[in-house]
C-alpha atoms as a PDB file:
ATOM      1  CA  MET A   1     150.907 133.174 120.700  1.00  0.00           C
ATOM      2  CA  ASP A   2     153.673 132.433 123.226  1.00  0.00           C
ATOM      3  CA  THR A   3     152.906 130.615 126.460  1.00  0.00           C
ATOM      4  CA  SER A   4     153.647 132.197 129.823  1.00  0.00           C
ATOM      5  CA  ILE A   5     153.705 130.832 133.355  1.00  0.00           C
ATOM      6  CA  ILE A   6     151.370 132.271 135.980  1.00  0.00           C
ATOM      7  CA  ALA A   7     152.500 131.345 139.487  1.00  0.00           C
ATOM      8  CA  GLY A   8     150.870 131.921 142.857  1.00  0.00           C
ATOM      9  CA  ARG A   9     147.361 131.623 144.226  1.00  0.00           C
ATOM     10  CA  ASN A  10     146.227 135.227 143.714  1.00  0.00           C
ATOM     11  CA  SER A  11     147.728 135.492 140.242  1.00  0.00           C
ATOM     12  CA  VAL A  12     146.165 132.250 139.012  1.00  0.00           C
ATOM     13  CA  THR A  13     142.792 133.088 140.561  1.00  0.00           C
ATOM     14  CA  GLU A  14     142.671 136.528 138.922  1.00  0.00           C
ATOM     15  CA  ALA A  15     143.757 135.089 135.563  1.00  0.00           C
ATOM     16  CA  LEU A  16     140.866 132.629 135.680  1.00  0.00           C
ATOM     17  CA  LYS A  17     138.351 135.265 136.806  1.00  0.00           C
ATOM     18  CA  ALA A  18     139.505 137.646 134.063  1.00  0.00           C
ATOM     19  CA  GLY A  19     138.963 135.045 131.358  1.00  0.00           C
ATOM     20  CA  ARG A  20     142.642 134.640 130.474  1.00  0.00           C
ATOM     21  CA  SER A  21     143.322 131.847 127.982  1.00  0.00           C
ATOM     22  CA  VAL A  22     144.623 129.227 130.437  1.00  0.00           C
ATOM     23  CA  THR A  23     145.451 125.852 128.915  1.00  0.00           C
ATOM     24  CA  LYS A  24     146.455 123.831 131.987  1.00  0.00           C
ATOM     25  CA  ILE A  25     146.910 124.132 135.746  1.00  0.00           C
ATOM     26  CA  TYR A  26     149.432 122.288 137.900  1.00  0.00           C
ATOM     27  CA  MET A  27     149.015 121.846 141.648  1.00  0.00           C
ATOM     28  CA  THR A  28     151.165 120.282 144.324  1.00  0.00           C
ATOM     29  CA  ALA A  29     149.617 116.988 145.385  1.00  0.00           C
ATOM     30  CA  LYS A  30     147.958 116.703 148.819  1.00  0.00           C
ATOM     31  CA  LYS A  31     147.529 120.442 149.290  1.00  0.00           C
ATOM     32  CA  GLU A  32     143.997 121.379 150.395  1.00  0.00           C
ATOM     33  CA  ALA A  33     144.109 125.097 151.274  1.00  0.00           C
ATOM     34  CA  PRO A  34     140.816 126.951 150.537  1.00  0.00           C
ATOM     35  CA  PRO A  35     142.385 129.191 147.839  1.00  0.00           C
ATOM     36  CA  LEU A  36     143.481 126.063 145.954  1.00  0.00           C
ATOM     37  CA  ALA A  37     139.979 124.602 146.199  1.00  0.00           C
ATOM     38  CA  ARG A  38     138.639 127.863 144.744  1.00  0.00           C
ATOM     39  CA  ILE A  39     141.069 127.586 141.834  1.00  0.00           C
ATOM     40  CA  ARG A  40     139.975 123.991 141.171  1.00  0.00           C
ATOM     41  CA  THR A  41     136.352 125.126 141.111  1.00  0.00           C
ATOM     42  CA  LEU A  42     137.089 127.930 138.646  1.00  0.00           C
ATOM     43  CA  ALA A  43     139.106 125.544 136.478  1.00  0.00           C
ATOM     44  CA  LYS A  44     136.274 123.010 136.464  1.00  0.00           C
ATOM     45  CA  GLU A  45     133.768 125.690 135.432  1.00  0.00           C
ATOM     46  CA  ARG A  46     135.983 126.594 132.475  1.00  0.00           C
ATOM     47  CA  LYS A  47     136.880 122.962 131.675  1.00  0.00           C
ATOM     48  CA  ILE A  48     140.594 123.580 132.230  1.00  0.00           C
ATOM     49  CA  PRO A  49     142.554 120.419 133.113  1.00  0.00           C
ATOM     50  CA  VAL A  50     144.244 120.294 136.518  1.00  0.00           C
ATOM     51  CA  GLU A  51     147.220 118.003 137.043  1.00  0.00           C
ATOM     52  CA  PHE A  52     148.668 117.156 140.453  1.00  0.00           C
ATOM     53  CA  VAL A  53     152.454 116.854 140.656  1.00  0.00           C
ATOM     54  CA  ASP A  54     155.021 116.343 143.393  1.00  0.00           C
ATOM     55  CA  THR A  55     157.027 119.163 144.959  1.00  0.00           C
ATOM     56  CA  ARG A  56     160.113 118.537 142.826  1.00  0.00           C
ATOM     57  CA  ALA A  57     158.126 118.750 139.585  1.00  0.00           C
ATOM     58  CA  MET A  58     156.407 121.932 140.774  1.00  0.00           C
ATOM     59  CA  GLU A  59     159.742 123.603 141.516  1.00  0.00           C
ATOM     60  CA  ARG A  60     160.957 122.672 138.052  1.00  0.00           C
ATOM     61  CA  LEU A  61     157.841 124.101 136.396  1.00  0.00           C
ATOM     62  CA  ALA A  62     158.046 127.315 138.449  1.00  0.00           C
ATOM     63  CA  GLN A  63     161.559 128.102 137.194  1.00  0.00           C
ATOM     64  CA  GLY A  64     162.513 129.814 140.432  1.00  0.00           C
ATOM     65  CA  VAL A  65     159.277 131.786 140.907  1.00  0.00           C
ATOM     66  CA  ARG A  66     157.448 131.447 144.253  1.00  0.00           C
ATOM     67  CA  HIS A  67     154.442 129.356 143.252  1.00  0.00           C
ATOM     68  CA  GLN A  68     152.375 128.711 146.439  1.00  0.00           C
ATOM     69  CA  ASP A  69     151.587 125.191 145.146  1.00  0.00           C
ATOM     70  CA  VAL A  70     149.878 126.279 141.926  1.00  0.00           C
ATOM     71  CA  ILE A  71     150.979 127.184 138.392  1.00  0.00           C
ATOM     72  CA  ALA A  72     148.951 127.914 135.284  1.00  0.00           C
ATOM     73  CA  LEU A  73     150.062 127.781 131.664  1.00  0.00           C
ATOM     74  CA  ALA A  74     148.477 130.614 129.718  1.00  0.00           C
ATOM     75  CA  ALA A  75     148.727 132.697 126.591  1.00  0.00           C
ATOM     76  CA  ALA A  76     151.183 135.564 126.985  1.00  0.00           C
ATOM     77  CA  VAL A  77     149.780 138.946 128.045  1.00  0.00           C
ATOM     78  CA  ASP A  78     148.449 140.876 125.060  1.00  0.00           C
ATOM     79  CA  PHE A  79     149.623 144.463 124.808  1.00  0.00           C
ATOM     80  CA  ALA A  80     146.883 147.065 124.416  1.00  0.00           C
ATOM     81  CA  ASP A  81     146.692 149.710 121.696  1.00  0.00           C
ATOM     82  CA  LEU A  82     146.941 153.245 123.079  1.00  0.00           C
ATOM     83  CA  ASP A  83     144.366 154.668 120.666  1.00  0.00           C
ATOM     84  CA  ASP A  84     141.898 151.945 121.699  1.00  0.00           C
ATOM     85  CA  VAL A  85     142.534 152.681 125.377  1.00  0.00           C
ATOM     86  CA  LEU A  86     141.891 156.404 124.938  1.00  0.00           C
ATOM     87  CA  ALA A  87     138.770 155.745 122.856  1.00  0.00           C
ATOM     88  CA  LYS A  88     137.307 153.612 125.664  1.00  0.00           C
ATOM     89  CA  VAL A  89     138.162 156.282 128.235  1.00  0.00           C
ATOM     90  CA  GLN A  90     136.352 158.858 126.117  1.00  0.00           C
ATOM     91  CA  GLU A  91     133.318 156.575 125.791  1.00  0.00           C
ATOM     92  CA  LYS A  92     133.129 156.349 129.576  1.00  0.00           C
ATOM     93  CA  GLY A  93     133.383 160.126 129.902  1.00  0.00           C
ATOM     94  CA  GLU A  94     136.397 159.867 132.197  1.00  0.00           C
ATOM     95  CA  MET A  95     139.497 162.043 132.492  1.00  0.00           C
ATOM     96  CA  PRO A  96     142.466 160.085 131.062  1.00  0.00           C
ATOM     97  CA  PHE A  97     145.252 159.090 133.420  1.00  0.00           C
ATOM     98  CA  LEU A  98     148.295 157.209 132.095  1.00  0.00           C
ATOM     99  CA  VAL A  99     151.495 156.065 133.789  1.00  0.00           C
ATOM    100  CA  LEU A 100     154.713 155.774 131.781  1.00  0.00           C
ATOM    101  CA  ALA A 101     157.558 153.663 133.174  1.00  0.00           C
ATOM    102  CA  ASP A 102     160.778 155.237 131.905  1.00  0.00           C
ATOM    103  CA  GLY A 103     163.662 152.817 132.365  1.00  0.00           C
ATOM    104  CA  ILE A 104     162.008 150.629 135.018  1.00  0.00           C
ATOM    105  CA  GLU A 105     164.035 147.446 134.520  1.00  0.00           C
ATOM    106  CA  ASP A 106     163.321 145.756 137.851  1.00  0.00           C
ATOM    107  CA  VAL A 107     160.459 143.281 137.425  1.00  0.00           C
ATOM    108  CA  HIS A 108     159.297 143.651 141.036  1.00  0.00           C
ATOM    109  CA  ASN A 109     159.057 147.432 140.726  1.00  0.00           C
ATOM    110  CA  LEU A 110     157.141 147.176 137.458  1.00  0.00           C
ATOM    111  CA  GLY A 111     154.746 144.600 138.906  1.00  0.00           C
ATOM    112  CA  ALA A 112     154.119 146.775 141.958  1.00  0.00           C
ATOM    113  CA  ILE A 113     153.509 149.843 139.769  1.00  0.00           C
ATOM    114  CA  ILE A 114     150.977 147.913 137.659  1.00  0.00           C
ATOM    115  CA  ARG A 115     149.209 146.704 140.815  1.00  0.00           C
ATOM    116  CA  THR A 116     148.871 150.201 142.259  1.00  0.00           C
ATOM    117  CA  ALA A 117     147.867 151.645 138.891  1.00  0.00           C
ATOM    118  CA  GLU A 118     144.956 149.207 138.667  1.00  0.00           C
ATOM    119  CA  CYS A 119     143.854 150.062 142.211  1.00  0.00           C
ATOM    120  CA  ALA A 120     144.177 153.834 141.672  1.00  0.00           C
ATOM    121  CA  GLY A 121     142.085 153.975 138.512  1.00  0.00           C
ATOM    122  CA  VAL A 122     144.897 154.505 136.005  1.00  0.00           C
ATOM    123  CA  HIS A 123     143.720 153.746 132.466  1.00  0.00           C
ATOM    124  CA  ALA A 124     146.949 152.231 131.110  1.00  0.00           C
ATOM    125  CA  VAL A 125     150.608 151.661 131.924  1.00  0.00           C
ATOM    126  CA  LEU A 126     153.006 152.520 129.104  1.00  0.00           C
ATOM    127  CA  VAL A 127     156.269 150.567 128.866  1.00  0.00           C
ATOM    128  CA  PRO A 128     159.030 151.244 126.289  1.00  0.00           C
ATOM    129  CA  GLN A 129     160.292 148.503 124.004  1.00  0.00           C
ATOM    130  CA  ARG A 130     163.848 149.179 125.182  1.00  0.00           C
ATOM    131  CA  HIS A 131     165.223 149.546 128.709  1.00  0.00           C
ATOM    132  CA  SER A 132     162.142 148.079 130.347  1.00  0.00           C
ATOM    133  CA  ALA A 133     161.495 145.004 132.454  1.00  0.00           C
ATOM    134  CA  PRO A 134     159.811 142.157 130.559  1.00  0.00           C
ATOM    135  CA  ILE A 135     156.164 141.424 131.310  1.00  0.00           C
ATOM    136  CA  ASN A 136     156.885 137.971 132.693  1.00  0.00           C
ATOM    137  CA  GLU A 137     155.613 135.666 135.427  1.00  0.00           C
ATOM    138  CA  THR A 138     157.428 137.648 138.154  1.00  0.00           C
ATOM    139  CA  VAL A 139     155.757 140.881 137.056  1.00  0.00           C
ATOM    140  CA  ALA A 140     152.402 139.098 136.960  1.00  0.00           C
ATOM    141  CA  LYS A 141     152.866 137.639 140.445  1.00  0.00           C
ATOM    142  CA  THR A 142     154.121 140.909 141.955  1.00  0.00           C
ATOM    143  CA  SER A 143     151.125 142.690 140.458  1.00  0.00           C
ATOM    144  CA  ALA A 144     148.839 140.242 142.360  1.00  0.00           C
ATOM    145  CA  GLY A 145     146.967 139.564 139.132  1.00  0.00           C
ATOM    146  CA  ALA A 146     146.540 143.211 138.115  1.00  0.00           C
ATOM    147  CA  VAL A 147     148.122 142.477 134.715  1.00  0.00           C
ATOM    148  CA  GLU A 148     144.867 140.688 133.883  1.00  0.00           C
ATOM    149  CA  TYR A 149     142.902 143.947 134.152  1.00  0.00           C
ATOM    150  CA  MET A 150     145.333 146.812 133.569  1.00  0.00           C
ATOM    151  CA  PRO A 151     145.940 147.662 129.890  1.00  0.00           C
ATOM    152  CA  ILE A 152     149.680 147.583 129.221  1.00  0.00           C
ATOM    153  CA  VAL A 153     150.803 149.515 126.154  1.00  0.00           C
ATOM    154  CA  ARG A 154     154.165 148.839 124.512  1.00  0.00           C
ATOM    155  CA  ILE A 155     155.550 152.062 123.072  1.00  0.00           C
ATOM    156  CA  GLY A 156     158.539 152.958 120.908  1.00  0.00           C
ATOM    157  CA  ASN A 157     160.397 156.191 121.518  1.00  0.00           C
ATOM    158  CA  VAL A 158     159.342 157.720 124.846  1.00  0.00           C
ATOM    159  CA  THR A 159     159.847 161.365 123.894  1.00  0.00           C
ATOM    160  CA  THR A 160     157.939 160.875 120.627  1.00  0.00           C
ATOM    161  CA  THR A 161     155.051 159.297 122.529  1.00  0.00           C
ATOM    162  CA  LEU A 162     154.965 162.162 125.019  1.00  0.00           C
ATOM    163  CA  LYS A 163     154.963 164.757 122.245  1.00  0.00           C
ATOM    164  CA  GLN A 164     152.042 162.992 120.567  1.00  0.00           C
ATOM    165  CA  LEU A 165     150.097 162.852 123.819  1.00  0.00           C
ATOM    166  CA  LYS A 166     150.759 166.524 124.515  1.00  0.00           C
ATOM    167  CA  LYS A 167     149.261 167.359 121.108  1.00  0.00           C
ATOM    168  CA  GLN A 168     146.137 165.520 122.290  1.00  0.00           C
ATOM    169  CA  GLY A 169     145.894 167.738 125.351  1.00  0.00           C
ATOM    170  CA  PHE A 170     147.771 165.671 127.913  1.00  0.00           C
ATOM    171  CA  TRP A 171     149.775 167.308 130.708  1.00  0.00           C
ATOM    172  CA  VAL A 172     152.999 165.437 131.468  1.00  0.00           C
ATOM    173  CA  LEU A 173     154.082 165.067 135.104  1.00  0.00           C
ATOM    174  CA  GLY A 174     157.576 163.812 135.822  1.00  0.00           C
ATOM    175  CA  ALA A 175     158.603 162.421 139.195  1.00  0.00           C
ATOM    176  CA  ASP A 176     161.924 163.990 140.139  1.00  0.00           C
ATOM    177  CA  MET A 177     163.826 164.300 143.438  1.00  0.00           C
ATOM    178  CA  VAL A 178     164.514 168.000 142.813  1.00  0.00           C
ATOM    179  CA  GLY A 179     161.304 168.849 140.971  1.00  0.00           C
ATOM    180  CA  GLU A 180     160.084 172.427 141.167  1.00  0.00           C
ATOM    181  CA  GLU A 181     156.619 171.538 142.470  1.00  0.00           C
ATOM    182  CA  ASN A 182     155.675 169.701 145.652  1.00  0.00           C
ATOM    183  CA  TYR A 183     153.384 166.788 144.795  1.00  0.00           C
ATOM    184  CA  TYR A 184     150.799 168.025 147.319  1.00  0.00           C
ATOM    185  CA  SER A 185     150.063 170.938 144.972  1.00  0.00           C
ATOM    186  CA  LEU A 186     149.889 169.091 141.639  1.00  0.00           C
ATOM    187  CA  SER A 187     146.789 169.655 139.522  1.00  0.00           C
ATOM    188  CA  ALA A 188     144.741 166.669 138.400  1.00  0.00           C
ATOM    189  CA  ASP A 189     141.805 168.186 136.506  1.00  0.00           C
ATOM    190  CA  MET A 190     143.198 167.511 133.019  1.00  0.00           C
ATOM    191  CA  PRO A 191     144.384 164.486 130.999  1.00  0.00           C
ATOM    192  CA  LEU A 192     147.589 163.316 132.692  1.00  0.00           C
ATOM    193  CA  VAL A 193     150.659 161.238 131.959  1.00  0.00           C
ATOM    194  CA  LEU A 194     152.738 160.439 135.041  1.00  0.00           C
ATOM    195  CA  VAL A 195     156.340 159.512 134.194  1.00  0.00           C
ATOM    196  CA  ILE A 196     158.231 157.361 136.685  1.00  0.00           C
ATOM    197  CA  GLY A 197     161.972 156.866 136.218  1.00  0.00           C
ATOM    198  CA  SER A 198     164.318 154.161 137.423  1.00  0.00           C
ATOM    199  CA  GLU A 199     165.628 154.204 140.983  1.00  0.00           C
ATOM    200  CA  GLY A 200     169.239 154.669 139.994  1.00  0.00           C
ATOM    201  CA  LYS A 201     169.028 157.252 137.220  1.00  0.00           C
ATOM    202  CA  GLY A 202     165.525 158.679 137.489  1.00  0.00           C
ATOM    203  CA  ILE A 203     163.878 160.111 134.396  1.00  0.00           C
ATOM    204  CA  SER A 204     166.220 160.438 131.425  1.00  0.00           C
ATOM    205  CA  ARG A 205     167.241 163.959 130.406  1.00  0.00           C
ATOM    206  CA  LEU A 206     165.366 163.998 127.090  1.00  0.00           C
ATOM    207  CA  VAL A 207     162.218 162.732 128.759  1.00  0.00           C
ATOM    208  CA  LYS A 208     162.592 165.271 131.551  1.00  0.00           C
ATOM    209  CA  ASP A 209     162.812 168.046 128.941  1.00  0.00           C
ATOM    210  CA  ASN A 210     159.416 166.948 127.604  1.00  0.00           C
ATOM    211  CA  CYS A 211     157.663 167.054 130.984  1.00  0.00           C
ATOM    212  CA  ASP A 212     155.373 170.010 131.632  1.00  0.00           C
ATOM    213  CA  VAL A 213     156.165 169.948 135.323  1.00  0.00           C
ATOM    214  CA  LEU A 214     158.528 168.000 137.571  1.00  0.00           C
ATOM    215  CA  VAL A 215     157.057 167.055 140.930  1.00  0.00           C
ATOM    216  CA  ARG A 216     158.970 166.049 144.034  1.00  0.00           C
ATOM    217  CA  ILE A 217     158.019 164.099 147.119  1.00  0.00           C
ATOM    218  CA  PRO A 218     159.438 165.795 150.235  1.00  0.00           C
ATOM    219  CA  MET A 219     161.904 163.786 152.305  1.00  0.00           C
ATOM    220  CA  PHE A 220     162.116 164.390 156.066  1.00  0.00           C
ATOM    221  CA  GLY A 221     164.659 161.724 157.014  1.00  0.00           C
ATOM    222  CA  ARG A 222     168.259 161.021 156.134  1.00  0.00           C
ATOM    223  CA  ILE A 223     167.503 158.928 153.033  1.00  0.00           C
ATOM    224  CA  ASN A 224     166.899 161.184 150.049  1.00  0.00           C
ATOM    225  CA  SER A 225     164.688 158.997 147.847  1.00  0.00           C
ATOM    226  CA  LEU A 226     161.961 156.361 147.801  1.00  0.00           C
ATOM    227  CA  ASN A 227     161.690 153.072 145.985  1.00  0.00           C
ATOM    228  CA  ALA A 228     160.348 153.765 142.462  1.00  0.00           C
ATOM    229  CA  SER A 229     157.142 151.811 142.992  1.00  0.00           C
ATOM    230  CA  VAL A 230     156.480 153.526 146.340  1.00  0.00           C
ATOM    231  CA  ALA A 231     156.982 156.965 144.810  1.00  0.00           C
ATOM    232  CA  ALA A 232     154.690 155.988 141.945  1.00  0.00           C
ATOM    233  CA  ALA A 233     152.028 154.847 144.409  1.00  0.00           C
ATOM    234  CA  LEU A 234     152.074 158.145 146.313  1.00  0.00           C
ATOM    235  CA  LEU A 235     151.745 160.173 143.110  1.00  0.00           C
ATOM    236  CA  MET A 236     149.027 157.987 141.603  1.00  0.00           C
ATOM    237  CA  TYR A 237     146.942 158.182 144.740  1.00  0.00           C
ATOM    238  CA  GLU A 238     147.426 161.925 145.022  1.00  0.00           C
ATOM    239  CA  VAL A 239     145.859 162.218 141.563  1.00  0.00           C
ATOM    240  CA  ALA A 240     143.096 159.790 142.575  1.00  0.00           C
ATOM    241  CA  ARG A 241     142.473 161.695 145.822  1.00  0.00           C
ATOM    242  CA  LYS A 242     142.032 164.979 144.017  1.00  0.00           C
ATOM    243  CA  ARG A 243     139.847 163.533 141.281  1.00  0.00           C
ATOM    244  CA  HIS A 244     137.610 161.593 143.660  1.00  0.00           C
ATOM    245  CA  ARG A 245     137.752 163.882 146.688  1.00  0.00           C
ATOM    246  CA  GLU A 246     133.994 164.453 146.921  1.00  0.00           C
ATOM    247  CA  LYS A 247     133.234 160.744 146.633  1.00  0.00           C
ATOM    248  CA  TRP A 248     135.740 159.869 149.369  1.00  0.00           C
ATOM    249  CA  VAL A 249     134.498 162.630 151.682  1.00  0.00           C
ATOM    250  CA  ARG A 250     130.913 161.351 151.405  1.00  0.00           C
ATOM    251  CA  LYS A 251     132.055 157.879 152.410  1.00  0.00           C
END
């Protein structure tokens, strides 16, 4: 299995807590911040070697990624199998909720989408083999460690995947600036796939044709669109709000 770099205090901490296969940790010498002490404790519990290096060596290891004085070498993220994901959802008796990133090539956007998906109770994030950002150290860091918990499914043809999911009873929601339905009124009481397109082009035409409904987020200012990850966050939490409304009201 390939080795990947995990950089940053939150990302390394979550990787260790999640049981990720970490082989070695590097820290900047003479740094004693509490989060770094926590990482050393977790590493000691798992018998993972920690090596202290100078600032120049740390910058070289980080390869341009903001590291916050700590880097871990780990096995690359394993992609999940969609059938396995759905089987586990069924075992839990939950209503499936998937997010599909259509043409999201910016690593920061993809990382932010994965982070919000994990927080909002999404069961998996689907990423195409082509025209998608790589799941690299920048995605991991931007996700604040969510890649350690959120199943990420690598798919082939997007339209084929959507057609297969629709046969299984999924309703496909597409985020679109001129969608026919306001996102306030979207229904969430069925298995859902939320499709998020790239900032520049949005959802591709063929994918849009396979959506059951296109939902829009109303704009009240002079700018006519949101960042892709922000739009995704609003839509994911609207689904979560409607599915967990009673629980939230009680709290």
